[in-house]
C-alpha atoms as a PDB file:
ATOM      1  CA  UNK A   1       0.000   0.000   0.000  1.00  0.00           C
ATOM      2  CA  UNK A   2       1.344   3.445  -0.932  1.00  0.00           C
ATOM      3  CA  UNK A   3       2.397   5.763   1.901  1.00  0.00           C
ATOM      4  CA  UNK A   4      -0.215   8.352   0.885  1.00  0.00           C
ATOM      5  CA  UNK A   5      -2.957   5.722   1.040  1.00  0.00           C
ATOM      6  CA  UNK A   6      -1.785   4.581   4.479  1.00  0.00           C
ATOM      7  CA  UNK A   7      -1.789   8.173   5.793  1.00  0.00           C
ATOM      8  CA  UNK A   8      -5.217   8.801   4.297  1.00  0.00           C
ATOM      9  CA  UNK A   9      -6.530   5.772   6.147  1.00  0.00           C
ATOM     10  CA  UNK A  10      -5.292   6.957   9.558  1.00  0.00           C
ATOM     11  CA  UNK A  11      -8.029   8.487  11.714  1.00  0.00           C
ATOM     12  CA  UNK A  12      -8.081   9.824  15.272  1.00  0.00           C
ATOM     13  CA  UNK A  13      -9.260   6.389  16.390  1.00  0.00           C
ATOM     14  CA  UNK A  14      -5.902   5.027  15.212  1.00  0.00           C
ATOM     15  CA  UNK A  15      -3.927   7.452  17.408  1.00  0.00           C
ATOM     16  CA  UNK A  16      -2.525   6.360  20.775  1.00  0.00           C
ATOM     17  CA  UNK A  17      -5.302   6.764  23.340  1.00  0.00           C
ATOM     18  CA  UNK A  18      -3.353   9.377  25.317  1.00  0.00           C
ATOM     19  CA  UNK A  19      -3.141  11.589  22.208  1.00  0.00           C
ATOM     20  CA  UNK A  20      -6.817  11.505  21.229  1.00  0.00           C
ATOM     21  CA  UNK A  21      -8.466  14.867  22.043  1.00  0.00           C
ATOM     22  CA  UNK A  22     -11.438  13.417  23.917  1.00  0.00           C
ATOM     23  CA  UNK A  23      -9.299  11.112  26.029  1.00  0.00           C
ATOM     24  CA  UNK A  24      -6.822  13.916  26.726  1.00  0.00           C
ATOM     25  CA  UNK A  25      -9.653  16.126  27.926  1.00  0.00           C
ATOM     26  CA  UNK A  26     -10.985  13.433  30.241  1.00  0.00           C
ATOM     27  CA  UNK A  27      -7.607  12.580  31.757  1.00  0.00           C
ATOM     28  CA  UNK A  28      -5.778  15.922  31.723  1.00  0.00           C
ATOM     29  CA  UNK A  29      -8.542  18.549  31.578  1.00  0.00           C
ATOM     30  CA  UNK A  30      -9.888  20.789  28.815  1.00  0.00           C
ATOM     31  CA  UNK A  31      -7.290  23.516  29.452  1.00  0.00           C
ATOM     32  CA  UNK A  32      -4.497  21.207  28.236  1.00  0.00           C
ATOM     33  CA  UNK A  33      -5.950  20.905  24.730  1.00  0.00           C
ATOM     34  CA  UNK A  34      -5.038  23.105  21.789  1.00  0.00           C
ATOM     35  CA  UNK A  35      -7.664  25.173  19.979  1.00  0.00           C
ATOM     36  CA  UNK A  36      -7.663  22.627  17.150  1.00  0.00           C
ATOM     37  CA  UNK A  37      -8.196  19.727  19.547  1.00  0.00           C
ATOM     38  CA  UNK A  38     -11.127  21.455  21.231  1.00  0.00           C
ATOM     39  CA  UNK A  39     -12.709  22.169  17.859  1.00  0.00           C
ATOM     40  CA  UNK A  40     -12.149  18.549  16.851  1.00  0.00           C
ATOM     41  CA  UNK A  41     -14.139  17.362  19.870  1.00  0.00           C
ATOM     42  CA  UNK A  42     -17.037  19.602  18.841  1.00  0.00           C
ATOM     43  CA  UNK A  43     -16.875  18.572  15.177  1.00  0.00           C
ATOM     44  CA  UNK A  44     -16.283  14.875  15.946  1.00  0.00           C
ATOM     45  CA  UNK A  45     -15.350  13.816  12.414  1.00  0.00           C
ATOM     46  CA  UNK A  46     -12.986  14.895   9.675  1.00  0.00           C
ATOM     47  CA  UNK A  47     -13.226  14.705   5.912  1.00  0.00           C
ATOM     48  CA  UNK A  48     -11.728  12.295   3.397  1.00  0.00           C
ATOM     49  CA  UNK A  49      -8.022  11.981   4.172  1.00  0.00           C
ATOM     50  CA  UNK A  50      -8.136  14.496   7.052  1.00  0.00           C
ATOM     51  CA  UNK A  51      -8.888  13.958  10.716  1.00  0.00           C
ATOM     52  CA  UNK A  52     -11.112  16.340  12.670  1.00  0.00           C
ATOM     53  CA  UNK A  53      -7.950  17.879  14.130  1.00  0.00           C
ATOM     54  CA  UNK A  54      -6.579  18.456  10.618  1.00  0.00           C
ATOM     55  CA  UNK A  55      -9.815  20.159   9.553  1.00  0.00           C
ATOM     56  CA  UNK A  56      -9.695  22.363  12.662  1.00  0.00           C
ATOM     57  CA  UNK A  57      -6.046  23.304  12.136  1.00  0.00           C
ATOM     58  CA  UNK A  58      -6.711  24.264   8.527  1.00  0.00           C
ATOM     59  CA  UNK A  59      -9.738  26.347   9.529  1.00  0.00           C
ATOM     60  CA  UNK A  60      -7.733  28.173  12.208  1.00  0.00           C
ATOM     61  CA  UNK A  61      -4.870  28.795   9.783  1.00  0.00           C
ATOM     62  CA  UNK A  62      -7.284  30.131   7.162  1.00  0.00           C
ATOM     63  CA  UNK A  63      -8.856  32.638   9.542  1.00  0.00           C
ATOM     64  CA  UNK A  64      -5.671  33.466  11.421  1.00  0.00           C
ATOM     65  CA  UNK A  65      -7.094  33.032  14.925  1.00  0.00           C
ATOM     66  CA  UNK A  66      -9.770  31.249  16.912  1.00  0.00           C
ATOM     67  CA  UNK A  67     -11.582  34.518  17.542  1.00  0.00           C
ATOM     68  CA  UNK A  68     -11.855  35.335  13.827  1.00  0.00           C
ATOM     69  CA  UNK A  69     -13.069  31.816  13.101  1.00  0.00           C
ATOM     70  CA  UNK A  70     -15.786  32.094  15.751  1.00  0.00           C
ATOM     71  CA  UNK A  71     -16.825  35.533  14.489  1.00  0.00           C
ATOM     72  CA  UNK A  72     -17.166  34.448  10.844  1.00  0.00           C
ATOM     73  CA  UNK A  73     -20.628  34.805   9.359  1.00  0.00           C
ATOM     74  CA  UNK A  74     -22.481  31.763   8.109  1.00  0.00           C
ATOM     75  CA  UNK A  75     -21.950  32.415   4.401  1.00  0.00           C
ATOM     76  CA  UNK A  76     -18.181  32.878   4.657  1.00  0.00           C
ATOM     77  CA  UNK A  77     -17.765  29.959   7.064  1.00  0.00           C
ATOM     78  CA  UNK A  78     -19.800  27.516   5.013  1.00  0.00           C
ATOM     79  CA  UNK A  79     -17.913  28.438   1.839  1.00  0.00           C
ATOM     80  CA  UNK A  80     -14.672  26.992   3.272  1.00  0.00           C
ATOM     81  CA  UNK A  81     -14.097  23.403   2.069  1.00  0.00           C
ATOM     82  CA  UNK A  82     -14.534  20.938   4.909  1.00  0.00           C
ATOM     83  CA  UNK A  83     -16.616  23.231   7.105  1.00  0.00           C
ATOM     84  CA  UNK A  84     -20.249  23.804   6.141  1.00  0.00           C
ATOM     85  CA  UNK A  85     -23.520  24.525   7.974  1.00  0.00           C
ATOM     86  CA  UNK A  86     -23.338  21.630  10.461  1.00  0.00           C
ATOM     87  CA  UNK A  87     -19.955  22.711  11.827  1.00  0.00           C
ATOM     88  CA  UNK A  88     -21.105  26.356  11.868  1.00  0.00           C
ATOM     89  CA  UNK A  89     -24.204  25.399  13.872  1.00  0.00           C
ATOM     90  CA  UNK A  90     -22.093  23.436  16.373  1.00  0.00           C
ATOM     91  CA  UNK A  91     -19.817  26.428  16.998  1.00  0.00           C
ATOM     92  CA  UNK A  92     -22.735  28.826  17.336  1.00  0.00           C
ATOM     93  CA  UNK A  93     -24.397  26.502  19.844  1.00  0.00           C
ATOM     94  CA  UNK A  94     -21.190  26.241  21.889  1.00  0.00           C
ATOM     95  CA  UNK A  95     -20.786  30.025  21.972  1.00  0.00           C
ATOM     96  CA  UNK A  96     -24.398  30.601  22.961  1.00  0.00           C
ATOM     97  CA  UNK A  97     -24.043  28.092  25.809  1.00  0.00           C
ATOM     98  CA  UNK A  98     -21.006  30.056  26.997  1.00  0.00           C
ATOM     99  CA  UNK A  99     -22.937  33.331  26.901  1.00  0.00           C
ATOM    100  CA  UNK A 100     -25.842  31.813  28.800  1.00  0.00           C
ATOM    101  CA  UNK A 101     -23.492  30.389  31.411  1.00  0.00           C
ATOM    102  CA  UNK A 102     -22.040  33.863  31.921  1.00  0.00           C
ATOM    103  CA  UNK A 103     -25.551  35.261  32.224  1.00  0.00           C
ATOM    104  CA  UNK A 104     -26.514  32.677  34.848  1.00  0.00           C
ATOM    105  CA  UNK A 105     -23.325  33.441  36.762  1.00  0.00           C
ATOM    106  CA  UNK A 106     -24.287  37.103  36.890  1.00  0.00           C
ATOM    107  CA  UNK A 107     -27.822  36.306  38.022  1.00  0.00           C
ATOM    108  CA  UNK A 108     -26.817  33.889  40.765  1.00  0.00           C
ATOM    109  CA  UNK A 109     -23.353  35.105  41.652  1.00  0.00           C
ATOM    110  CA  UNK A 110     -21.714  38.357  42.752  1.00  0.00           C
ATOM    111  CA  UNK A 111     -23.471  41.629  42.105  1.00  0.00           C
ATOM    112  CA  UNK A 112     -22.703  43.646  39.030  1.00  0.00           C
ATOM    113  CA  UNK A 113     -20.919  46.130  41.217  1.00  0.00           C
ATOM    114  CA  UNK A 114     -17.996  43.936  40.085  1.00  0.00           C
ATOM    115  CA  UNK A 115     -16.754  45.714  36.942  1.00  0.00           C
ATOM    116  CA  UNK A 116     -14.784  42.649  35.786  1.00  0.00           C
ATOM    117  CA  UNK A 117     -17.843  40.379  35.702  1.00  0.00           C
ATOM    118  CA  UNK A 118     -19.829  43.009  33.832  1.00  0.00           C
ATOM    119  CA  UNK A 119     -17.129  43.610  31.251  1.00  0.00           C
ATOM    120  CA  UNK A 120     -16.553  39.898  30.652  1.00  0.00           C
ATOM    121  CA  UNK A 121     -20.251  39.398  30.003  1.00  0.00           C
ATOM    122  CA  UNK A 122     -20.606  42.417  27.721  1.00  0.00           C
ATOM    123  CA  UNK A 123     -17.439  41.585  25.826  1.00  0.00           C
ATOM    124  CA  UNK A 124     -18.769  38.094  25.107  1.00  0.00           C
ATOM    125  CA  UNK A 125     -22.027  39.571  23.815  1.00  0.00           C
ATOM    126  CA  UNK A 126     -20.819  42.586  21.855  1.00  0.00           C
ATOM    127  CA  UNK A 127     -17.128  42.483  20.967  1.00  0.00           C
ATOM    128  CA  UNK A 128     -17.298  40.769  17.574  1.00  0.00           C
ATOM    129  CA  UNK A 129     -20.449  42.374  16.191  1.00  0.00           C
ATOM    130  CA  UNK A 130     -19.980  44.234  12.909  1.00  0.00           C
ATOM    131  CA  UNK A 131     -22.661  46.811  13.734  1.00  0.00           C
ATOM    132  CA  UNK A 132     -23.209  49.057  16.746  1.00  0.00           C
ATOM    133  CA  UNK A 133     -25.636  47.759  19.347  1.00  0.00           C
ATOM    134  CA  UNK A 134     -26.948  49.688  22.344  1.00  0.00           C
ATOM    135  CA  UNK A 135     -28.121  47.421  25.153  1.00  0.00           C
ATOM    136  CA  UNK A 136     -29.228  47.496  28.772  1.00  0.00           C
ATOM    137  CA  UNK A 137     -28.549  45.318  31.776  1.00  0.00           C
ATOM    138  CA  UNK A 138     -31.571  45.580  34.085  1.00  0.00           C
ATOM    139  CA  UNK A 139     -30.610  44.940  37.733  1.00  0.00           C
ATOM    140  CA  UNK A 140     -32.441  44.249  40.980  1.00  0.00           C
ATOM    141  CA  UNK A 141     -31.897  46.034  44.297  1.00  0.00           C
ATOM    142  CA  UNK A 142     -28.769  43.931  44.941  1.00  0.00           C
ATOM    143  CA  UNK A 143     -27.443  44.742  41.468  1.00  0.00           C
ATOM    144  CA  UNK A 144     -27.934  41.220  40.173  1.00  0.00           C
ATOM    145  CA  UNK A 145     -28.900  40.758  36.553  1.00  0.00           C
ATOM    146  CA  UNK A 146     -32.612  40.527  35.812  1.00  0.00           C
ATOM    147  CA  UNK A 147     -32.312  40.671  32.045  1.00  0.00           C
ATOM    148  CA  UNK A 148     -30.019  41.672  29.198  1.00  0.00           C
ATOM    149  CA  UNK A 149     -31.828  43.424  26.388  1.00  0.00           C
ATOM    150  CA  UNK A 150     -30.726  44.866  23.060  1.00  0.00           C
ATOM    151  CA  UNK A 151     -32.527  48.135  22.355  1.00  0.00           C
ATOM    152  CA  UNK A 152     -31.079  49.897  19.337  1.00  0.00           C
ATOM    153  CA  UNK A 153     -28.859  49.098  16.357  1.00  0.00           C
ATOM    154  CA  UNK A 154     -26.899  51.361  14.076  1.00  0.00           C
ATOM    155  CA  UNK A 155     -24.581  54.314  14.489  1.00  0.00           C
ATOM    156  CA  UNK A 156     -25.310  55.930  17.835  1.00  0.00           C
ATOM    157  CA  UNK A 157     -25.977  59.644  18.114  1.00  0.00           C
ATOM    158  CA  UNK A 158     -28.248  61.833  20.158  1.00  0.00           C
ATOM    159  CA  UNK A 159     -31.273  60.994  18.015  1.00  0.00           C
ATOM    160  CA  UNK A 160     -30.861  57.229  17.700  1.00  0.00           C
ATOM    161  CA  UNK A 161     -31.152  56.300  21.397  1.00  0.00           C
ATOM    162  CA  UNK A 162     -34.487  57.096  23.011  1.00  0.00           C
ATOM    163  CA  UNK A 163     -34.249  57.416  26.827  1.00  0.00           C
ATOM    164  CA  UNK A 164     -38.003  56.912  27.172  1.00  0.00           C
ATOM    165  CA  UNK A 165     -37.616  53.371  25.784  1.00  0.00           C
ATOM    166  CA  UNK A 166     -34.953  52.620  28.379  1.00  0.00           C
ATOM    167  CA  UNK A 167     -37.241  53.941  31.127  1.00  0.00           C
ATOM    168  CA  UNK A 168     -40.268  52.028  29.838  1.00  0.00           C
ATOM    169  CA  UNK A 169     -38.401  48.713  29.828  1.00  0.00           C
ATOM    170  CA  UNK A 170     -36.770  49.423  33.198  1.00  0.00           C
ATOM    171  CA  UNK A 171     -40.185  49.937  34.776  1.00  0.00           C
ATOM    172  CA  UNK A 172     -41.568  46.860  33.037  1.00  0.00           C
ATOM    173  CA  UNK A 173     -38.688  44.779  34.444  1.00  0.00           C
ATOM    174  CA  UNK A 174     -39.260  46.321  37.899  1.00  0.00           C
ATOM    175  CA  UNK A 175     -35.552  47.000  38.193  1.00  0.00           C
ATOM    176  CA  UNK A 176     -33.703  49.207  40.647  1.00  0.00           C
ATOM    177  CA  UNK A 177     -30.672  50.052  38.533  1.00  0.00           C
ATOM    178  CA  UNK A 178     -29.462  49.915  34.957  1.00  0.00           C
ATOM    179  CA  UNK A 179     -26.133  49.559  33.183  1.00  0.00           C
ATOM    180  CA  UNK A 180     -26.134  50.591  29.534  1.00  0.00           C
ATOM    181  CA  UNK A 181     -23.516  49.511  27.043  1.00  0.00           C
ATOM    182  CA  UNK A 182     -22.657  49.587  23.394  1.00  0.00           C
ATOM    183  CA  UNK A 183     -19.855  48.391  21.166  1.00  0.00           C
ATOM    184  CA  UNK A 184     -17.523  50.202  18.788  1.00  0.00           C
ATOM    185  CA  UNK A 185     -16.994  47.971  15.717  1.00  0.00           C
ATOM    186  CA  UNK A 186     -13.876  50.033  14.948  1.00  0.00           C
ATOM    187  CA  UNK A 187     -12.302  48.329  17.957  1.00  0.00           C
ATOM    188  CA  UNK A 188     -11.492  51.643  19.665  1.00  0.00           C
ATOM    189  CA  UNK A 189     -13.378  51.890  22.948  1.00  0.00           C
ATOM    190  CA  UNK A 190     -12.824  55.606  23.607  1.00  0.00           C
ATOM    191  CA  UNK A 191     -16.140  57.412  24.211  1.00  0.00           C
ATOM    192  CA  UNK A 192     -17.251  60.098  21.796  1.00  0.00           C
ATOM    193  CA  UNK A 193     -19.015  63.310  22.699  1.00  0.00           C
ATOM    194  CA  UNK A 194     -22.264  61.688  21.515  1.00  0.00           C
ATOM    195  CA  UNK A 195     -21.654  58.799  23.950  1.00  0.00           C
ATOM    196  CA  UNK A 196     -21.332  61.259  26.830  1.00  0.00           C
ATOM    197  CA  UNK A 197     -24.527  63.086  25.799  1.00  0.00           C
ATOM    198  CA  UNK A 198     -26.487  59.820  25.545  1.00  0.00           C
ATOM    199  CA  UNK A 199     -25.262  58.816  28.995  1.00  0.00           C
ATOM    200  CA  UNK A 200     -26.512  62.010  30.615  1.00  0.00           C
ATOM    201  CA  UNK A 201     -29.871  61.875  28.852  1.00  0.00           C
ATOM    202  CA  UNK A 202     -30.482  58.283  29.947  1.00  0.00           C
ATOM    203  CA  UNK A 203     -29.301  59.025  33.507  1.00  0.00           C
ATOM    204  CA  UNK A 204     -31.654  62.006  33.821  1.00  0.00           C
ATOM    205  CA  UNK A 205     -34.615  60.081  32.394  1.00  0.00           C
ATOM    206  CA  UNK A 206     -34.101  57.154  34.787  1.00  0.00           C
ATOM    207  CA  UNK A 207     -33.684  59.470  37.761  1.00  0.00           C
ATOM    208  CA  UNK A 208     -37.225  60.758  37.193  1.00  0.00           C
ATOM    209  CA  UNK A 209     -38.530  57.325  38.171  1.00  0.00           C
ATOM    210  CA  UNK A 210     -35.948  56.696  40.934  1.00  0.00           C
ATOM    211  CA  UNK A 211     -33.857  54.207  38.970  1.00  0.00           C
ATOM    212  CA  UNK A 212     -30.064  54.590  39.051  1.00  0.00           C
ATOM    213  CA  UNK A 213     -27.828  54.466  36.019  1.00  0.00           C
ATOM    214  CA  UNK A 214     -24.732  52.706  37.352  1.00  0.00           C
ATOM    215  CA  UNK A 215     -22.525  52.812  34.289  1.00  0.00           C
ATOM    216  CA  UNK A 216     -22.188  53.111  30.543  1.00  0.00           C
ATOM    217  CA  UNK A 217     -19.632  50.641  29.223  1.00  0.00           C
ATOM    218  CA  UNK A 218     -18.160  50.831  25.745  1.00  0.00           C
ATOM    219  CA  UNK A 219     -16.776  47.603  24.316  1.00  0.00           C
ATOM    220  CA  UNK A 220     -13.931  47.671  21.817  1.00  0.00           C
ATOM    221  CA  UNK A 221     -11.505  45.105  20.472  1.00  0.00           C
ATOM    222  CA  UNK A 222     -10.105  43.477  23.603  1.00  0.00           C
ATOM    223  CA  UNK A 223     -10.682  46.616  25.656  1.00  0.00           C
ATOM    224  CA  UNK A 224     -13.609  48.347  27.310  1.00  0.00           C
ATOM    225  CA  UNK A 225     -14.164  51.734  28.898  1.00  0.00           C
ATOM    226  CA  UNK A 226     -16.357  52.504  31.900  1.00  0.00           C
ATOM    227  CA  UNK A 227     -17.773  56.030  31.822  1.00  0.00           C
ATOM    228  CA  UNK A 228     -18.507  55.723  35.554  1.00  0.00           C
ATOM    229  CA  UNK A 229     -14.812  55.155  36.252  1.00  0.00           C
ATOM    230  CA  UNK A 230     -14.102  58.341  34.308  1.00  0.00           C
ATOM    231  CA  UNK A 231     -16.587  60.320  36.332  1.00  0.00           C
ATOM    232  CA  UNK A 232     -19.000  60.728  33.416  1.00  0.00           C
ATOM    233  CA  UNK A 233     -22.030  58.991  34.994  1.00  0.00           C
END
């Protein structure tokens, strides 16, 4: 049998047990696996002549990073040979589970007076979006998350965000405090003058119904800015 045929016939099942991604995860822990090995566990199978790890490595190399692979839209992802809608759906499901786990942690765990927990959650929700999204975190009297809600999309300016909508939803959720946030698809998290104006308008509107605006967080590429920490809330 030719060498190429032998190599084509080798699958992950033929690897030593201690080198198989699933077995490595079970014996050594998920943190010991490479990005490609973790993807291989999700995708389970490879393609003709390539193991699941090979497919994952090629996908990561094509996109340049795990983050860019996860942020790819369905059309671009599915156009890559060896990927397709099933693998896209599996990744989207895994990411949504992660987001929901973060949300449950915020509801049941420490209050959102912890800036790190808030930023981690918002970064997971907003960082890789290609359009601007303005959202609210509605909090109870202990500053635990009641609900995350997306309110507005598009370039933010003084006319695009309506404080009355924030107030209406805050009252409907019976919340005691609110954190607002939006992302900058440019990746630069520095607040604009419009961001500062929106913050003050929302703060004043909420104050009329005795609800506190705790913060306005802007999410960029790997960074975030708290307007409260800058004294602008």
